[in-house]
Amino acid sequence: MEVLKVPTMADFMAEGKQPEVLFWVGSAGSFDDRAKKITKAFVKILNKAKVDFAVLGTEESCTGDVAKRAGNEFLFQMQALMNIEVLNAYEVKKIVTCDPHSFNCLKNEYPDLGGNYEVIHHTQFIQELIKSGRLKIQGNLYKGKRITFHDPCYLGRANNEYDAPRDILKNTNASIVEMKLHKRTALCCGAGGAQMFKEPEKGDKDINVLRTEGALETSPNIIATACPYCNTMMTDGIKAKEKETEISVLDIAELIANSEEL
């Protein structure tokens, strides 16, 4: 069995060293069984590219994003200040995360509370690793497959990053097909803004099913995502359409980690 190396910031501090980057795992990546697979896939990539990284481990707490979106600013600031205290004590400069919600929160909302870091989404980081030659993808695992990419709201519209995930997908040798609504016009999966944790309002269709229908129009073998919450919503959509035996929903980190050469 493959052993993944996941050092903590405490390990680095004990040696008097600083990692190249802190990997912010996030609540979903830490506790949700499906999202844990995305975390492991990304760690596999970091190990393969020999990236000097660390995690906070048990010292990491929720960013407070969900509390803020649900309207509890007080709870958000409590959670954020607690994290900022830990991050600043470790003198963290650069953070990478697989969760666009954490990415947006750490990047755009923590500075107001004294948390100033360079924050990168995992698709941007993987793109960087490929461009610099630290990560080589030569497998033909996806040759002949059709992949459509679902843009996460907090990566795309909120932070204007549309190219990194698509640039990575070009390295898979698959045929990349765009949904009718993509990039700036992409439809939300229905999980953002704390909606993940409540039942949808009455209507004639759940938004994740509507988004899945848009994906199915491209006749994909794989729906690629770059957010653990999008992954859950699109997977549920595929189940609602009874297509789970034909179509996989995979994070970009998983697509790359599964490549033959990795």
Protein backbone atom coordinates (compact mmCIF):
# COMPACT_ATOMS: atom_id res chain seq x y z
CA MET A 1 0.00 0.00 0.00
CA GLU A 2 1.22 3.46 -0.90
CA VAL A 3 2.29 5.56 2.09
CA LEU A 4 1.45 9.26 1.85
CA LYS A 5 3.74 11.71 3.61
CA VAL A 6 1.75 14.42 5.39
CA PRO A 7 3.95 16.49 7.75
CA THR A 8 2.41 19.06 10.11
CA MET A 9 3.45 22.66 10.74
CA ALA A 10 4.40 21.55 14.26
CA ASP A 11 6.86 19.03 12.74
CA PHE A 12 8.44 21.77 10.63
CA MET A 13 8.63 24.18 13.56
CA ALA A 14 10.33 21.52 15.71
CA GLU A 15 13.05 21.34 13.04
CA GLY A 16 13.23 25.14 12.72
CA LYS A 17 12.10 24.98 9.08
CA GLN A 18 9.32 26.50 6.97
CA PRO A 19 7.43 24.55 4.26
CA GLU A 20 7.09 25.87 0.72
CA VAL A 21 3.31 25.90 1.18
CA LEU A 22 0.64 25.15 3.79
CA PHE A 23 -2.07 22.78 2.57
CA TRP A 24 -5.40 23.94 4.04
CA VAL A 25 -7.47 20.74 4.04
CA GLY A 26 -10.85 22.31 4.89
CA SER A 27 -13.85 20.79 6.68
CA ALA A 28 -15.11 18.70 3.75
CA GLY A 29 -11.63 17.38 2.92
CA SER A 30 -11.12 16.44 6.58
CA PHE A 31 -14.45 14.85 7.51
CA ASP A 32 -16.48 13.92 4.41
CA ASP A 33 -15.62 10.39 3.22
CA ARG A 34 -15.91 11.29 -0.46
CA ALA A 35 -13.93 14.53 -0.11
CA LYS A 36 -11.17 12.72 1.80
CA LYS A 37 -10.37 10.94 -1.48
CA ILE A 38 -9.77 14.36 -3.10
CA THR A 39 -7.46 15.29 -0.20
CA LYS A 40 -5.49 12.05 -0.64
CA ALA A 41 -5.26 12.55 -4.41
CA PHE A 42 -3.85 16.05 -3.93
CA VAL A 43 -1.34 14.84 -1.32
CA LYS A 44 -0.26 12.14 -3.79
CA ILE A 45 0.41 14.90 -6.36
CA LEU A 46 2.33 16.99 -3.81
CA ASN A 47 4.46 13.96 -2.84
CA LYS A 48 5.09 13.08 -6.49
CA ALA A 49 6.17 16.65 -7.33
CA LYS A 50 8.37 16.67 -4.19
CA VAL A 51 6.61 19.73 -2.80
CA ASP A 52 7.73 20.69 0.70
CA PHE A 53 4.28 21.13 2.26
CA ALA A 54 2.65 20.88 5.67
CA VAL A 55 -0.84 20.77 7.16
CA LEU A 56 -2.07 22.22 10.45
CA GLY A 57 -3.62 18.88 11.42
CA THR A 58 -5.70 19.15 14.59
CA GLU A 59 -4.83 22.86 14.82
CA GLU A 60 -6.90 23.60 11.68
CA SER A 61 -10.46 24.77 12.32
CA CYS A 62 -13.34 25.69 9.97
CA THR A 63 -12.62 28.95 8.10
CA GLY A 64 -16.01 30.29 9.16
CA ASP A 65 -17.20 30.62 5.55
CA VAL A 66 -20.47 28.76 6.18
CA ALA A 67 -21.28 30.85 9.27
CA LYS A 68 -20.67 34.06 7.30
CA ARG A 69 -22.81 32.98 4.32
CA ALA A 70 -25.61 31.93 6.67
CA GLY A 71 -25.54 35.39 8.26
CA ASN A 72 -23.69 34.71 11.52
CA GLU A 73 -20.92 37.30 11.23
CA PHE A 74 -20.05 37.00 14.92
CA LEU A 75 -19.33 33.26 14.66
CA PHE A 76 -17.38 33.82 11.43
CA GLN A 77 -15.09 36.36 13.08
CA MET A 78 -14.55 34.10 16.11
CA GLN A 79 -13.54 31.19 13.85
CA ALA A 80 -11.43 33.37 11.57
CA LEU A 81 -9.52 35.09 14.39
CA MET A 82 -8.73 31.72 15.95
CA ASN A 83 -7.27 30.46 12.66
CA ILE A 84 -5.39 33.70 12.00
CA GLU A 85 -3.74 33.43 15.41
CA VAL A 86 -2.49 29.92 14.57
CA LEU A 87 -1.41 30.82 11.01
CA ASN A 88 0.44 33.96 12.11
CA ALA A 89 2.15 32.11 14.98
CA TYR A 90 3.58 29.71 12.37
CA GLU A 91 4.46 32.67 10.11
CA VAL A 92 2.53 31.12 7.22
CA LYS A 93 2.99 32.99 3.94
CA LYS A 94 1.49 30.73 1.25
CA ILE A 95 -1.63 28.55 1.45
CA VAL A 96 -3.07 26.05 -1.05
CA THR A 97 -6.53 24.48 -0.72
CA CYS A 98 -8.82 22.16 -2.70
CA ASP A 99 -11.92 24.02 -1.48
CA PRO A 100 -12.91 27.20 -3.38
CA HIS A 101 -14.98 28.33 -0.37
CA SER A 102 -11.90 28.22 1.90
CA PHE A 103 -9.85 29.74 -0.94
CA ASN A 104 -12.21 32.72 -1.29
CA CYS A 105 -12.56 33.20 2.46
CA LEU A 106 -8.83 33.04 3.26
CA LYS A 107 -7.90 35.17 0.25
CA ASN A 108 -10.54 37.90 0.34
CA GLU A 109 -12.00 38.00 3.84
CA TYR A 110 -9.17 37.12 6.25
CA PRO A 111 -7.06 40.23 5.37
CA ASP A 112 -9.67 42.47 7.04
CA LEU A 113 -9.04 40.59 10.29
CA GLY A 114 -5.24 40.56 10.11
CA GLY A 115 -4.68 37.39 8.09
CA ASN A 116 -2.61 38.26 5.01
CA TYR A 117 -1.47 35.28 2.95
CA GLU A 118 -0.85 34.30 -0.64
CA VAL A 119 -3.77 31.91 -1.23
CA ILE A 120 -3.84 29.52 -4.19
CA HIS A 121 -6.51 27.07 -5.35
CA HIS A 122 -5.27 23.53 -5.96
CA THR A 123 -5.99 23.78 -9.70
CA GLN A 124 -3.74 26.87 -9.89
CA PHE A 125 -1.04 25.05 -7.94
CA ILE A 126 -1.22 21.90 -10.09
CA GLN A 127 -1.10 24.10 -13.22
CA GLU A 128 2.03 25.77 -11.80
CA LEU A 129 3.65 22.37 -11.08
CA ILE A 130 2.98 21.19 -14.65
CA LYS A 131 4.24 24.45 -16.24
CA SER A 132 7.45 24.43 -14.19
CA GLY A 133 8.11 20.78 -15.08
CA ARG A 134 7.88 19.55 -11.49
CA LEU A 135 4.90 17.38 -12.41
CA LYS A 136 4.84 15.32 -15.59
CA ILE A 137 1.64 13.76 -16.89
CA GLN A 138 2.09 11.36 -19.79
CA GLY A 139 -0.56 8.74 -19.17
CA ASN A 140 -3.24 7.80 -21.67
CA LEU A 141 -5.78 6.76 -19.07
CA TYR A 142 -8.38 9.22 -20.41
CA LYS A 143 -7.66 8.93 -24.12
CA GLY A 144 -10.95 8.68 -26.00
CA LYS A 145 -12.96 9.84 -22.95
CA ARG A 146 -15.21 12.88 -22.94
CA ILE A 147 -14.80 15.20 -19.94
CA THR A 148 -16.95 18.22 -19.15
CA PHE A 149 -15.87 20.67 -16.44
CA HIS A 150 -18.24 22.28 -13.94
CA ASP A 151 -17.01 25.72 -12.79
CA PRO A 152 -17.27 26.23 -9.01
CA CYS A 153 -18.85 29.63 -8.20
CA TYR A 154 -16.14 30.66 -5.74
CA LEU A 155 -13.34 29.82 -8.15
CA GLY A 156 -14.95 31.16 -11.32
CA ARG A 157 -17.31 34.07 -10.90
CA ALA A 158 -16.03 35.11 -7.45
CA ASN A 159 -12.30 34.94 -8.27
CA ASN A 160 -12.21 34.97 -12.06
CA GLU A 161 -10.21 31.73 -12.42
CA TYR A 162 -11.42 29.77 -15.42
CA ASP A 163 -8.17 28.79 -17.16
CA ALA A 164 -6.22 26.74 -14.59
CA PRO A 165 -8.65 23.77 -14.44
CA ARG A 166 -9.04 23.70 -18.22
CA ASP A 167 -5.27 23.92 -18.82
CA ILE A 168 -4.78 20.91 -16.53
CA LEU A 169 -7.51 18.91 -18.29
CA LYS A 170 -5.74 19.44 -21.63
CA ASN A 171 -2.93 17.26 -20.23
CA THR A 172 -5.23 14.25 -19.83
CA ASN A 173 -5.49 13.43 -23.58
CA ALA A 174 -9.28 13.40 -23.18
CA SER A 175 -11.76 15.29 -25.31
CA ILE A 176 -12.84 18.35 -23.27
CA VAL A 177 -16.43 19.37 -24.00
CA GLU A 178 -17.99 22.54 -22.60
CA MET A 179 -21.51 22.77 -21.22
CA LYS A 180 -23.80 25.38 -22.74
CA LEU A 181 -23.55 27.36 -19.49
CA HIS A 182 -19.86 27.55 -18.60
CA LYS A 183 -17.24 29.97 -17.30
CA ARG A 184 -18.99 33.29 -16.44
CA THR A 185 -22.45 31.92 -17.27
CA ALA A 186 -21.97 28.64 -15.37
CA LEU A 187 -24.86 27.57 -13.19
CA CYS A 188 -24.24 27.05 -9.47
CA CYS A 189 -24.35 23.42 -8.27
CA GLY A 190 -26.65 24.53 -5.44
CA ALA A 191 -24.28 24.08 -2.48
CA GLY A 192 -22.77 27.58 -2.11
CA GLY A 193 -23.85 30.21 0.38
CA ALA A 194 -24.45 27.56 3.10
CA GLN A 195 -27.21 26.01 0.95
CA MET A 196 -25.39 22.67 1.24
CA PHE A 197 -26.70 22.28 4.77
CA LYS A 198 -30.39 22.98 4.24
CA GLU A 199 -33.24 21.58 2.22
CA PRO A 200 -33.98 23.43 -1.04
CA GLU A 201 -36.96 25.79 -1.24
CA LYS A 202 -40.03 24.54 -3.03
CA GLY A 203 -39.76 24.59 -6.79
CA ASP A 204 -40.20 22.24 -9.71
CA LYS A 205 -36.56 21.06 -9.81
CA ASP A 206 -33.47 20.97 -7.58
CA ILE A 207 -30.67 23.16 -8.97
CA ASN A 208 -28.09 20.35 -8.84
CA VAL A 209 -30.36 18.22 -11.07
CA LEU A 210 -30.72 21.15 -13.50
CA ARG A 211 -26.94 21.57 -13.58
CA THR A 212 -26.45 17.83 -14.07
CA GLU A 213 -28.85 17.90 -17.02
CA GLY A 214 -26.64 20.61 -18.56
CA ALA A 215 -23.62 18.33 -18.09
CA LEU A 216 -25.43 15.32 -19.56
CA GLU A 217 -26.15 17.27 -22.76
CA THR A 218 -22.43 17.02 -23.54
CA SER A 219 -22.57 13.17 -23.41
CA PRO A 220 -19.65 12.97 -20.97
CA ASN A 221 -17.89 9.94 -19.52
CA ILE A 222 -16.61 12.11 -16.68
CA ILE A 223 -17.87 15.29 -15.02
CA ALA A 224 -14.80 17.08 -13.63
CA THR A 225 -15.13 19.33 -10.59
CA ALA A 226 -12.71 21.44 -8.54
CA CYS A 227 -14.69 21.73 -5.29
CA PRO A 228 -15.76 19.06 -2.76
CA TYR A 229 -19.25 20.55 -2.46
CA CYS A 230 -19.76 20.65 -6.24
CA ASN A 231 -18.61 17.03 -6.29
CA THR A 232 -21.34 16.02 -3.83
CA MET A 233 -24.06 17.96 -5.66
CA MET A 234 -23.12 16.67 -9.12
CA THR A 235 -22.83 13.10 -7.78
CA ASP A 236 -26.33 13.42 -6.29
CA GLY A 237 -27.53 14.79 -9.63
CA ILE A 238 -26.08 11.79 -11.48
CA LYS A 239 -27.80 9.46 -9.00
CA ALA A 240 -31.10 11.30 -9.49
CA LYS A 241 -30.71 10.69 -13.25
CA GLU A 242 -29.72 7.03 -12.59
CA LYS A 243 -26.50 7.43 -14.54
CA GLU A 244 -23.99 6.50 -11.81
CA THR A 245 -22.91 3.31 -13.62
CA GLU A 246 -22.06 5.25 -16.80
CA ILE A 247 -20.70 8.58 -15.61
CA SER A 248 -18.02 9.37 -12.98
CA VAL A 249 -17.78 12.63 -11.05
CA LEU A 250 -14.10 13.29 -10.28
CA ASP A 251 -12.12 16.19 -8.89
CA ILE A 252 -9.31 17.47 -11.09
CA ALA A 253 -6.80 16.30 -8.44
CA GLU A 254 -8.21 12.77 -8.74
CA LEU A 255 -8.04 12.85 -12.55
CA ILE A 256 -4.36 13.79 -12.37
CA ALA A 257 -3.46 11.47 -9.48
CA ASN A 258 -5.10 8.56 -11.34
CA SER A 259 -3.03 9.20 -14.48
CA GLU A 260 -0.87 6.22 -15.35
CA GLU A 261 2.46 7.99 -14.97
CA LEU A 262 1.73 9.36 -11.52
